[in-house]
């Protein structure tokens, strides 16, 4: 890891407060990127609150959220993010063939139109940085306006997460091997 990983006793009061707030929330633990963000407690507090909302409280189903997170993890080749969210996506019922296709940078075949809309929106925004009227209209039809706003927020937040994990080399647990090819 490229940044000091504080023990509880090494944290300032502000850092301990942020860590405690994260652990007492819906995650039940301090999320991995907070290991870096805690160096700026105010940033860490705000980022982890946003993350908790985007992960657990949007109008998107867990299956759709996890799909968007996997697309983002794959875009950034964020090994830790992939490790965590592959399991969550499968638990949420995402087809393993879809997960494998994303890992291999192949276009998945979807039987659910909302999943296709999320995938198209996420990959297009990551790759092209803009969205066509057609892709946007399809997403609005499938997810609603709030859902599309939350999807963009989810993609942006998990880009921040992936960048943080990659930049500070917050790696996999010791017994885990990377699943994504560069």
N, C-alpha and C. Protein backbone atom coordinates (compact mmCIF):
# COMPACT_ATOMS: atom_id res chain seq x y z
N UNK A 1 0.85 -1.17 0.00
CA UNK A 1 0.00 0.00 0.00
C UNK A 1 0.90 1.24 0.00
N UNK A 2 0.52 2.24 -0.76
CA UNK A 2 1.34 3.44 -0.92
C UNK A 2 1.05 4.54 0.09
N UNK A 3 0.20 4.27 1.03
CA UNK A 3 -0.17 5.29 2.00
C UNK A 3 -0.27 4.60 3.36
N UNK A 4 0.02 5.35 4.40
CA UNK A 4 -0.01 4.75 5.74
C UNK A 4 -1.39 4.18 6.02
N UNK A 5 -1.41 2.97 6.49
CA UNK A 5 -2.64 2.29 6.88
C UNK A 5 -2.72 2.37 8.40
N UNK A 6 -3.52 3.32 8.88
CA UNK A 6 -3.59 3.60 10.31
C UNK A 6 -4.22 2.46 11.10
N UNK A 7 -3.65 2.19 12.26
CA UNK A 7 -4.36 1.36 13.24
C UNK A 7 -5.33 2.30 13.96
N UNK A 8 -6.26 1.73 14.67
CA UNK A 8 -7.24 2.54 15.40
C UNK A 8 -6.53 3.51 16.35
N UNK A 9 -5.49 3.07 17.03
CA UNK A 9 -4.78 3.90 18.00
C UNK A 9 -3.97 5.02 17.35
N UNK A 10 -3.61 4.87 16.09
CA UNK A 10 -2.83 5.89 15.39
C UNK A 10 -3.71 7.00 14.81
N UNK A 11 -5.01 6.78 14.75
CA UNK A 11 -5.92 7.76 14.16
C UNK A 11 -6.16 8.93 15.10
N UNK A 12 -6.39 10.08 14.48
CA UNK A 12 -6.83 11.25 15.25
C UNK A 12 -8.28 11.01 15.66
N UNK A 13 -8.79 11.87 16.52
CA UNK A 13 -10.20 11.75 16.92
C UNK A 13 -11.11 11.87 15.70
N UNK A 14 -10.81 12.81 14.80
CA UNK A 14 -11.64 13.00 13.61
C UNK A 14 -11.61 11.74 12.73
N UNK A 15 -10.43 11.14 12.59
CA UNK A 15 -10.31 9.93 11.78
C UNK A 15 -11.07 8.77 12.42
N UNK A 16 -10.97 8.63 13.74
CA UNK A 16 -11.71 7.57 14.44
C UNK A 16 -13.21 7.76 14.28
N UNK A 17 -13.66 9.02 14.32
CA UNK A 17 -15.10 9.29 14.14
C UNK A 17 -15.57 8.85 12.76
N UNK A 18 -14.79 9.13 11.74
CA UNK A 18 -15.15 8.74 10.37
C UNK A 18 -15.18 7.22 10.25
N UNK A 19 -14.16 6.57 10.77
CA UNK A 19 -14.10 5.11 10.71
C UNK A 19 -15.27 4.48 11.45
N UNK A 20 -15.60 5.03 12.61
CA UNK A 20 -16.72 4.51 13.41
C UNK A 20 -18.05 4.72 12.69
N UNK A 21 -18.22 5.90 12.07
CA UNK A 21 -19.46 6.16 11.34
C UNK A 21 -19.63 5.17 10.19
N UNK A 22 -18.56 4.91 9.46
CA UNK A 22 -18.63 3.96 8.35
C UNK A 22 -18.95 2.56 8.85
N UNK A 23 -18.30 2.14 9.91
CA UNK A 23 -18.51 0.78 10.44
C UNK A 23 -19.90 0.61 11.04
N UNK A 24 -20.48 1.68 11.53
CA UNK A 24 -21.81 1.58 12.14
C UNK A 24 -22.93 1.69 11.11
N UNK A 25 -22.58 1.97 9.87
CA UNK A 25 -23.59 2.11 8.81
C UNK A 25 -23.96 0.78 8.18
N UNK A 26 -24.54 0.84 7.01
CA UNK A 26 -25.05 -0.34 6.33
C UNK A 26 -23.95 -1.31 5.89
N UNK A 27 -22.72 -0.83 5.72
CA UNK A 27 -21.62 -1.72 5.34
C UNK A 27 -21.20 -2.61 6.51
N UNK A 28 -21.26 -2.04 7.72
CA UNK A 28 -20.83 -2.79 8.89
C UNK A 28 -19.32 -2.85 9.05
N UNK A 29 -18.61 -2.09 8.24
CA UNK A 29 -17.15 -2.08 8.29
C UNK A 29 -16.64 -0.81 7.61
N UNK A 30 -15.37 -0.57 7.76
CA UNK A 30 -14.76 0.55 7.06
C UNK A 30 -14.42 0.08 5.64
N UNK A 31 -14.96 0.72 4.60
CA UNK A 31 -14.67 0.27 3.23
C UNK A 31 -13.21 0.51 2.86
N UNK A 32 -12.72 -0.31 1.95
CA UNK A 32 -11.30 -0.27 1.57
C UNK A 32 -10.79 1.11 1.16
N UNK A 33 -11.49 1.88 0.30
CA UNK A 33 -10.91 3.16 -0.09
C UNK A 33 -10.81 4.15 1.06
N UNK A 34 -11.61 3.94 2.10
CA UNK A 34 -11.53 4.83 3.26
C UNK A 34 -10.18 4.70 3.96
N UNK A 35 -9.46 3.61 3.71
CA UNK A 35 -8.11 3.47 4.26
C UNK A 35 -7.20 4.59 3.75
N UNK A 36 -7.47 5.07 2.53
CA UNK A 36 -6.73 6.23 2.00
C UNK A 36 -7.45 7.52 2.36
N UNK A 37 -8.76 7.56 2.15
CA UNK A 37 -9.52 8.79 2.37
C UNK A 37 -9.44 9.28 3.81
N UNK A 38 -9.18 8.39 4.74
CA UNK A 38 -9.14 8.76 6.17
C UNK A 38 -8.03 9.76 6.45
N UNK A 39 -7.07 9.87 5.56
CA UNK A 39 -6.00 10.85 5.72
C UNK A 39 -6.56 12.27 5.63
N UNK A 40 -7.71 12.41 5.01
CA UNK A 40 -8.44 13.67 4.98
C UNK A 40 -9.82 13.37 5.55
N UNK A 41 -9.97 13.47 6.87
CA UNK A 41 -11.21 13.02 7.50
C UNK A 41 -12.49 13.64 6.93
N UNK A 42 -12.46 14.90 6.59
CA UNK A 42 -13.67 15.52 6.05
C UNK A 42 -14.01 14.92 4.68
N UNK A 43 -13.01 14.74 3.84
CA UNK A 43 -13.22 14.08 2.55
C UNK A 43 -13.73 12.67 2.78
N UNK A 44 -13.08 11.93 3.66
CA UNK A 44 -13.48 10.55 3.94
C UNK A 44 -14.91 10.45 4.42
N UNK A 45 -15.31 11.34 5.30
CA UNK A 45 -16.68 11.31 5.84
C UNK A 45 -17.69 11.54 4.72
N UNK A 46 -17.43 12.52 3.89
CA UNK A 46 -18.39 12.84 2.83
C UNK A 46 -18.43 11.75 1.76
N UNK A 47 -17.27 11.24 1.39
CA UNK A 47 -17.21 10.20 0.35
C UNK A 47 -17.88 8.92 0.82
N UNK A 48 -17.65 8.52 2.06
CA UNK A 48 -18.24 7.26 2.52
C UNK A 48 -19.75 7.39 2.67
N UNK A 49 -20.25 8.57 3.03
CA UNK A 49 -21.72 8.76 3.11
C UNK A 49 -22.34 8.67 1.72
N UNK A 50 -21.70 9.31 0.75
CA UNK A 50 -22.19 9.23 -0.62
C UNK A 50 -22.18 7.78 -1.09
N UNK A 51 -21.10 7.08 -0.80
CA UNK A 51 -20.99 5.68 -1.20
C UNK A 51 -22.06 4.81 -0.57
N UNK A 52 -22.35 5.05 0.68
CA UNK A 52 -23.39 4.26 1.35
C UNK A 52 -24.74 4.48 0.66
N UNK A 53 -25.06 5.73 0.34
CA UNK A 53 -26.31 6.00 -0.37
C UNK A 53 -26.33 5.30 -1.72
N UNK A 54 -25.26 5.49 -2.51
CA UNK A 54 -25.24 4.95 -3.86
C UNK A 54 -25.24 3.42 -3.87
N UNK A 55 -24.66 2.81 -2.88
CA UNK A 55 -24.61 1.35 -2.83
C UNK A 55 -25.92 0.74 -2.35
N UNK A 56 -26.59 1.40 -1.41
CA UNK A 56 -27.72 0.75 -0.74
C UNK A 56 -29.07 1.44 -0.90
N UNK A 57 -29.13 2.67 -1.28
CA UNK A 57 -30.39 3.41 -1.16
C UNK A 57 -30.90 4.06 -2.44
N UNK A 58 -30.38 3.71 -3.59
CA UNK A 58 -30.89 4.30 -4.83
C UNK A 58 -32.15 3.55 -5.28
N UNK A 59 -32.75 4.03 -6.34
CA UNK A 59 -33.92 3.36 -6.92
C UNK A 59 -33.50 2.15 -7.76
N UNK A 60 -32.21 2.00 -8.03
CA UNK A 60 -31.71 0.88 -8.82
C UNK A 60 -31.70 -0.39 -7.96
N UNK A 61 -32.05 -1.50 -8.57
CA UNK A 61 -31.99 -2.78 -7.86
C UNK A 61 -30.53 -3.13 -7.58
N UNK A 62 -30.28 -3.98 -6.59
CA UNK A 62 -28.89 -4.41 -6.34
C UNK A 62 -28.26 -5.03 -7.59
N UNK A 63 -29.03 -5.77 -8.37
CA UNK A 63 -28.50 -6.38 -9.59
C UNK A 63 -28.00 -5.32 -10.58
N UNK A 64 -28.79 -4.26 -10.76
CA UNK A 64 -28.39 -3.19 -11.69
C UNK A 64 -27.22 -2.39 -11.13
N UNK A 65 -27.24 -2.10 -9.85
CA UNK A 65 -26.12 -1.38 -9.23
C UNK A 65 -24.83 -2.16 -9.36
N UNK A 66 -24.89 -3.43 -9.04
CA UNK A 66 -23.68 -4.26 -9.12
C UNK A 66 -23.18 -4.39 -10.55
N UNK A 67 -24.09 -4.45 -11.51
CA UNK A 67 -23.68 -4.47 -12.91
C UNK A 67 -22.88 -3.21 -13.25
N UNK A 68 -23.40 -2.05 -12.86
CA UNK A 68 -22.70 -0.79 -13.12
C UNK A 68 -21.35 -0.74 -12.42
N UNK A 69 -21.29 -1.27 -11.22
CA UNK A 69 -20.02 -1.28 -10.47
C UNK A 69 -19.01 -2.19 -11.16
N UNK A 70 -19.46 -3.36 -11.63
CA UNK A 70 -18.54 -4.27 -12.33
C UNK A 70 -18.01 -3.65 -13.62
N UNK A 71 -18.88 -2.97 -14.37
CA UNK A 71 -18.41 -2.31 -15.59
C UNK A 71 -17.33 -1.29 -15.24
N UNK A 72 -17.53 -0.56 -14.15
CA UNK A 72 -16.55 0.45 -13.73
C UNK A 72 -15.26 -0.20 -13.24
N UNK A 73 -15.39 -1.24 -12.44
CA UNK A 73 -14.20 -1.96 -11.95
C UNK A 73 -13.39 -2.51 -13.13
N UNK A 74 -14.08 -3.04 -14.13
CA UNK A 74 -13.40 -3.58 -15.31
C UNK A 74 -12.75 -2.46 -16.11
N UNK A 75 -13.45 -1.34 -16.27
CA UNK A 75 -12.90 -0.20 -17.01
C UNK A 75 -11.56 0.22 -16.40
N UNK A 76 -11.51 0.28 -15.07
CA UNK A 76 -10.31 0.73 -14.38
C UNK A 76 -9.37 -0.43 -14.02
N UNK A 77 -9.73 -1.65 -14.35
CA UNK A 77 -9.01 -2.85 -13.94
C UNK A 77 -8.66 -2.73 -12.45
N UNK A 78 -9.68 -2.48 -11.68
CA UNK A 78 -9.55 -2.34 -10.23
C UNK A 78 -9.79 -3.71 -9.60
N UNK A 79 -8.69 -4.39 -9.28
CA UNK A 79 -8.76 -5.78 -8.82
C UNK A 79 -9.57 -5.92 -7.53
N UNK A 80 -9.33 -5.03 -6.57
CA UNK A 80 -10.06 -5.14 -5.31
C UNK A 80 -11.55 -4.90 -5.53
N UNK A 81 -11.88 -3.89 -6.30
CA UNK A 81 -13.29 -3.58 -6.56
C UNK A 81 -13.97 -4.76 -7.25
N UNK A 82 -13.29 -5.34 -8.22
CA UNK A 82 -13.83 -6.51 -8.91
C UNK A 82 -14.02 -7.68 -7.93
N UNK A 83 -13.02 -7.93 -7.11
CA UNK A 83 -13.07 -9.02 -6.13
C UNK A 83 -14.31 -8.90 -5.24
N UNK A 84 -14.57 -7.74 -4.71
CA UNK A 84 -15.70 -7.53 -3.81
C UNK A 84 -17.02 -7.59 -4.57
N UNK A 85 -17.10 -6.89 -5.68
CA UNK A 85 -18.40 -6.71 -6.33
C UNK A 85 -18.78 -7.85 -7.27
N UNK A 86 -17.85 -8.65 -7.71
CA UNK A 86 -18.21 -9.86 -8.46
C UNK A 86 -19.07 -10.75 -7.57
N UNK A 87 -18.65 -10.93 -6.34
CA UNK A 87 -19.41 -11.77 -5.42
C UNK A 87 -20.79 -11.17 -5.11
N UNK A 88 -20.82 -9.85 -4.94
CA UNK A 88 -22.09 -9.18 -4.67
C UNK A 88 -23.03 -9.27 -5.88
N UNK A 89 -22.47 -9.15 -7.09
CA UNK A 89 -23.29 -9.23 -8.31
C UNK A 89 -23.90 -10.62 -8.46
N UNK A 90 -23.11 -11.64 -8.21
CA UNK A 90 -23.62 -13.00 -8.31
C UNK A 90 -24.68 -13.26 -7.24
N UNK A 91 -24.43 -12.75 -6.03
CA UNK A 91 -25.39 -12.89 -4.94
C UNK A 91 -26.71 -12.18 -5.28
N UNK A 92 -26.62 -11.07 -6.00
CA UNK A 92 -27.81 -10.31 -6.40
C UNK A 92 -28.53 -10.97 -7.58
N UNK A 93 -27.95 -12.00 -8.16
CA UNK A 93 -28.62 -12.72 -9.24
C UNK A 93 -28.16 -12.37 -10.64
N UNK A 94 -27.07 -11.63 -10.78
CA UNK A 94 -26.56 -11.32 -12.12
C UNK A 94 -26.04 -12.62 -12.73
N UNK A 95 -26.35 -12.85 -13.98
CA UNK A 95 -25.96 -14.06 -14.69
C UNK A 95 -24.43 -14.19 -14.70
N UNK A 96 -23.88 -15.34 -14.27
CA UNK A 96 -22.42 -15.52 -14.30
C UNK A 96 -21.81 -15.33 -15.69
N UNK A 97 -22.57 -15.64 -16.75
CA UNK A 97 -22.06 -15.42 -18.11
C UNK A 97 -21.86 -13.93 -18.39
N UNK A 98 -22.73 -13.09 -17.83
CA UNK A 98 -22.58 -11.64 -17.98
C UNK A 98 -21.32 -11.18 -17.25
N UNK A 99 -21.13 -11.67 -16.04
CA UNK A 99 -19.95 -11.31 -15.25
C UNK A 99 -18.68 -11.73 -15.99
N UNK A 100 -18.66 -12.95 -16.50
CA UNK A 100 -17.48 -13.44 -17.23
C UNK A 100 -17.20 -12.61 -18.48
N UNK A 101 -18.25 -12.26 -19.21
CA UNK A 101 -18.07 -11.46 -20.43
C UNK A 101 -17.45 -10.10 -20.08
N UNK A 102 -17.95 -9.46 -19.03
CA UNK A 102 -17.39 -8.16 -18.62
C UNK A 102 -15.93 -8.32 -18.25
N UNK A 103 -15.60 -9.37 -17.51
CA UNK A 103 -14.21 -9.60 -17.11
C UNK A 103 -13.30 -9.74 -18.33
N UNK A 104 -13.83 -10.37 -19.38
CA UNK A 104 -13.04 -10.62 -20.59
C UNK A 104 -13.17 -9.50 -21.63
N UNK A 105 -13.80 -8.40 -21.22
CA UNK A 105 -14.01 -7.24 -22.10
C UNK A 105 -14.79 -7.60 -23.36
N UNK A 106 -15.75 -8.53 -23.18
CA UNK A 106 -16.66 -8.88 -24.27
C UNK A 106 -18.04 -8.33 -23.95
N UNK A 107 -18.81 -8.04 -24.97
CA UNK A 107 -20.17 -7.54 -24.78
C UNK A 107 -21.06 -8.69 -24.33
N UNK A 108 -21.67 -8.59 -23.15
CA UNK A 108 -22.56 -9.66 -22.69
C UNK A 108 -23.86 -9.70 -23.48
N UNK A 109 -24.51 -10.84 -23.41
CA UNK A 109 -25.86 -10.98 -23.96
C UNK A 109 -26.82 -10.88 -22.78
N UNK A 110 -27.75 -9.95 -22.87
CA UNK A 110 -28.70 -9.71 -21.79
C UNK A 110 -30.10 -10.18 -22.19
N UNK A 111 -30.80 -10.75 -21.23
CA UNK A 111 -32.20 -11.10 -21.45
C UNK A 111 -33.12 -10.09 -20.77
N UNK A 112 -32.54 -9.20 -19.98
CA UNK A 112 -33.30 -8.18 -19.25
C UNK A 112 -32.93 -6.81 -19.82
N UNK A 113 -33.93 -6.10 -20.33
CA UNK A 113 -33.65 -4.83 -21.02
C UNK A 113 -33.06 -3.77 -20.10
N UNK A 114 -33.43 -3.75 -18.83
CA UNK A 114 -32.86 -2.77 -17.90
C UNK A 114 -31.36 -3.02 -17.72
N UNK A 115 -30.95 -4.27 -17.70
CA UNK A 115 -29.52 -4.57 -17.60
C UNK A 115 -28.78 -4.10 -18.85
N UNK A 116 -29.38 -4.33 -20.01
CA UNK A 116 -28.77 -3.85 -21.25
C UNK A 116 -28.62 -2.34 -21.23
N UNK A 117 -29.65 -1.65 -20.73
CA UNK A 117 -29.61 -0.18 -20.66
C UNK A 117 -28.49 0.29 -19.73
N UNK A 118 -28.34 -0.35 -18.57
CA UNK A 118 -27.27 0.01 -17.63
C UNK A 118 -25.91 -0.24 -18.26
N UNK A 119 -25.74 -1.40 -18.87
CA UNK A 119 -24.46 -1.74 -19.49
C UNK A 119 -24.12 -0.74 -20.61
N UNK A 120 -25.08 -0.47 -21.48
CA UNK A 120 -24.82 0.45 -22.59
C UNK A 120 -24.49 1.85 -22.09
N UNK A 121 -25.23 2.31 -21.10
CA UNK A 121 -24.98 3.64 -20.56
C UNK A 121 -23.59 3.70 -19.92
N UNK A 122 -23.29 2.70 -19.09
CA UNK A 122 -22.02 2.69 -18.36
C UNK A 122 -20.82 2.58 -19.30
N UNK A 123 -20.88 1.64 -20.23
CA UNK A 123 -19.72 1.48 -21.12
C UNK A 123 -19.55 2.68 -22.04
N UNK A 124 -20.66 3.21 -22.52
CA UNK A 124 -20.57 4.38 -23.41
C UNK A 124 -20.02 5.59 -22.67
N UNK A 125 -20.50 5.84 -21.47
CA UNK A 125 -20.02 7.00 -20.72
C UNK A 125 -18.53 6.84 -20.38
N UNK A 126 -18.13 5.65 -19.95
CA UNK A 126 -16.71 5.42 -19.65
C UNK A 126 -15.85 5.56 -20.91
N UNK A 127 -16.29 4.96 -21.99
CA UNK A 127 -15.46 4.93 -23.20
C UNK A 127 -15.47 6.23 -23.99
N UNK A 128 -16.64 6.85 -24.12
CA UNK A 128 -16.79 8.01 -25.00
C UNK A 128 -16.96 9.33 -24.27
N UNK A 129 -17.26 9.27 -22.97
CA UNK A 129 -17.44 10.45 -22.13
C UNK A 129 -18.70 11.25 -22.44
N UNK A 130 -19.51 10.78 -23.35
CA UNK A 130 -20.80 11.38 -23.68
C UNK A 130 -21.79 10.25 -23.95
N UNK A 131 -23.08 10.61 -23.94
CA UNK A 131 -24.16 9.63 -24.16
C UNK A 131 -25.01 10.10 -25.33
N UNK A 132 -25.32 9.20 -26.23
CA UNK A 132 -26.20 9.54 -27.36
C UNK A 132 -27.63 9.70 -26.86
N UNK A 133 -28.42 10.39 -27.65
CA UNK A 133 -29.83 10.56 -27.32
C UNK A 133 -30.55 9.22 -27.23
N UNK A 134 -30.19 8.29 -28.08
CA UNK A 134 -30.84 6.97 -28.09
C UNK A 134 -30.54 6.20 -26.81
N UNK A 135 -29.28 6.15 -26.42
CA UNK A 135 -28.91 5.44 -25.20
C UNK A 135 -29.54 6.11 -23.99
N UNK A 136 -29.55 7.43 -23.98
CA UNK A 136 -30.15 8.15 -22.86
C UNK A 136 -31.65 7.88 -22.78
N UNK A 137 -32.33 7.95 -23.90
CA UNK A 137 -33.77 7.72 -23.90
C UNK A 137 -34.11 6.29 -23.45
N UNK A 138 -33.33 5.34 -23.88
CA UNK A 138 -33.55 3.95 -23.44
C UNK A 138 -33.36 3.83 -21.94
N UNK A 139 -32.32 4.45 -21.41
CA UNK A 139 -32.08 4.40 -19.96
C UNK A 139 -33.21 5.07 -19.19
N UNK A 140 -33.68 6.19 -19.66
CA UNK A 140 -34.79 6.88 -19.00
C UNK A 140 -36.03 5.97 -19.00
N UNK A 141 -36.31 5.34 -20.13
CA UNK A 141 -37.47 4.44 -20.22
C UNK A 141 -37.33 3.26 -19.25
N UNK A 142 -36.15 2.71 -19.12
CA UNK A 142 -35.94 1.52 -18.29
C UNK A 142 -35.73 1.84 -16.81
N UNK A 143 -35.10 2.98 -16.50
CA UNK A 143 -34.69 3.28 -15.12
C UNK A 143 -35.42 4.46 -14.52
N UNK A 144 -36.03 5.30 -15.34
CA UNK A 144 -36.62 6.54 -14.87
C UNK A 144 -35.56 7.61 -14.73
N UNK A 145 -35.99 8.84 -14.60
CA UNK A 145 -35.03 9.94 -14.52
C UNK A 145 -34.17 9.85 -13.26
N UNK A 146 -34.79 9.56 -12.12
CA UNK A 146 -34.01 9.42 -10.88
C UNK A 146 -33.00 8.28 -11.02
N UNK A 147 -33.41 7.19 -11.63
CA UNK A 147 -32.51 6.05 -11.81
C UNK A 147 -31.30 6.40 -12.66
N UNK A 148 -31.51 7.18 -13.71
CA UNK A 148 -30.39 7.57 -14.57
C UNK A 148 -29.46 8.53 -13.83
N UNK A 149 -30.01 9.45 -13.09
CA UNK A 149 -29.18 10.36 -12.29
C UNK A 149 -28.35 9.54 -11.29
N UNK A 150 -29.00 8.60 -10.63
CA UNK A 150 -28.30 7.76 -9.65
C UNK A 150 -27.27 6.86 -10.33
N UNK A 151 -27.57 6.37 -11.52
CA UNK A 151 -26.61 5.56 -12.27
C UNK A 151 -25.35 6.37 -12.57
N UNK A 152 -25.51 7.59 -13.03
CA UNK A 152 -24.34 8.43 -13.31
C UNK A 152 -23.56 8.68 -12.01
N UNK A 153 -24.26 8.93 -10.91
CA UNK A 153 -23.58 9.09 -9.63
C UNK A 153 -22.83 7.84 -9.22
N UNK A 154 -23.44 6.68 -9.43
CA UNK A 154 -22.81 5.41 -9.11
C UNK A 154 -21.54 5.20 -9.93
N UNK A 155 -21.63 5.50 -11.22
CA UNK A 155 -20.45 5.36 -12.09
C UNK A 155 -19.34 6.31 -11.65
N UNK A 156 -19.69 7.54 -11.31
CA UNK A 156 -18.69 8.50 -10.87
C UNK A 156 -18.08 8.10 -9.54
N UNK A 157 -18.92 7.68 -8.60
CA UNK A 157 -18.41 7.29 -7.28
C UNK A 157 -17.48 6.08 -7.40
N UNK A 158 -17.89 5.06 -8.15
CA UNK A 158 -17.04 3.87 -8.25
C UNK A 158 -15.82 4.11 -9.13
N UNK A 159 -15.84 5.15 -9.95
CA UNK A 159 -14.60 5.59 -10.61
C UNK A 159 -13.65 6.14 -9.55
N UNK A 160 -14.17 6.97 -8.65
CA UNK A 160 -13.36 7.48 -7.54
C UNK A 160 -12.81 6.34 -6.70
N UNK A 161 -13.65 5.36 -6.39
CA UNK A 161 -13.21 4.20 -5.60
C UNK A 161 -12.10 3.46 -6.34
N UNK A 162 -12.35 3.16 -7.60
CA UNK A 162 -11.36 2.41 -8.38
C UNK A 162 -10.04 3.16 -8.51
N UNK A 163 -10.12 4.45 -8.75
CA UNK A 163 -8.91 5.26 -8.84
C UNK A 163 -8.16 5.27 -7.51
N UNK A 164 -8.88 5.38 -6.42
CA UNK A 164 -8.26 5.38 -5.10
C UNK A 164 -7.56 4.05 -4.84
N UNK A 165 -8.27 2.96 -5.08
CA UNK A 165 -7.69 1.63 -4.85
C UNK A 165 -6.46 1.41 -5.71
N UNK A 166 -6.52 1.83 -6.97
CA UNK A 166 -5.38 1.66 -7.87
C UNK A 166 -4.22 2.59 -7.52
N UNK A 167 -4.51 3.86 -7.28
CA UNK A 167 -3.45 4.83 -7.02
C UNK A 167 -2.68 4.52 -5.75
N UNK A 168 -3.40 4.07 -4.73
CA UNK A 168 -2.75 3.81 -3.44
C UNK A 168 -2.42 2.33 -3.24
N UNK A 169 -2.60 1.56 -4.31
CA UNK A 169 -2.29 0.13 -4.30
C UNK A 169 -2.91 -0.59 -3.10
N UNK A 170 -4.20 -0.36 -2.91
CA UNK A 170 -4.94 -1.07 -1.88
C UNK A 170 -5.34 -2.39 -2.52
N UNK A 171 -4.63 -3.43 -2.15
CA UNK A 171 -4.72 -4.69 -2.86
C UNK A 171 -5.71 -5.68 -2.29
N UNK A 172 -5.67 -6.83 -2.90
CA UNK A 172 -6.53 -7.95 -2.53
C UNK A 172 -6.10 -8.54 -1.18
N UNK A 173 -7.01 -9.27 -0.55
CA UNK A 173 -6.59 -10.01 0.65
C UNK A 173 -5.44 -10.95 0.29
N UNK A 174 -4.60 -11.28 1.25
CA UNK A 174 -3.37 -12.03 0.97
C UNK A 174 -3.54 -13.34 0.20
N UNK A 175 -4.61 -14.06 0.40
CA UNK A 175 -4.78 -15.36 -0.25
C UNK A 175 -5.54 -15.29 -1.57
N UNK A 176 -5.80 -14.09 -2.08
CA UNK A 176 -6.57 -13.92 -3.32
C UNK A 176 -5.66 -13.52 -4.46
N UNK A 177 -5.96 -14.05 -5.65
CA UNK A 177 -5.21 -13.71 -6.85
C UNK A 177 -6.04 -12.78 -7.73
N UNK A 178 -5.39 -11.88 -8.45
CA UNK A 178 -6.15 -11.00 -9.36
C UNK A 178 -6.94 -11.82 -10.38
N UNK A 179 -8.14 -11.37 -10.67
CA UNK A 179 -9.01 -12.05 -11.63
C UNK A 179 -9.03 -11.36 -12.99
N UNK A 180 -8.65 -10.11 -13.03
CA UNK A 180 -8.75 -9.34 -14.28
C UNK A 180 -7.39 -9.24 -14.95
N UNK A 181 -7.40 -9.50 -16.27
CA UNK A 181 -6.20 -9.27 -17.07
C UNK A 181 -6.09 -7.77 -17.32
N UNK A 182 -4.87 -7.25 -17.43
CA UNK A 182 -4.73 -5.80 -17.70
C UNK A 182 -5.40 -5.37 -18.99
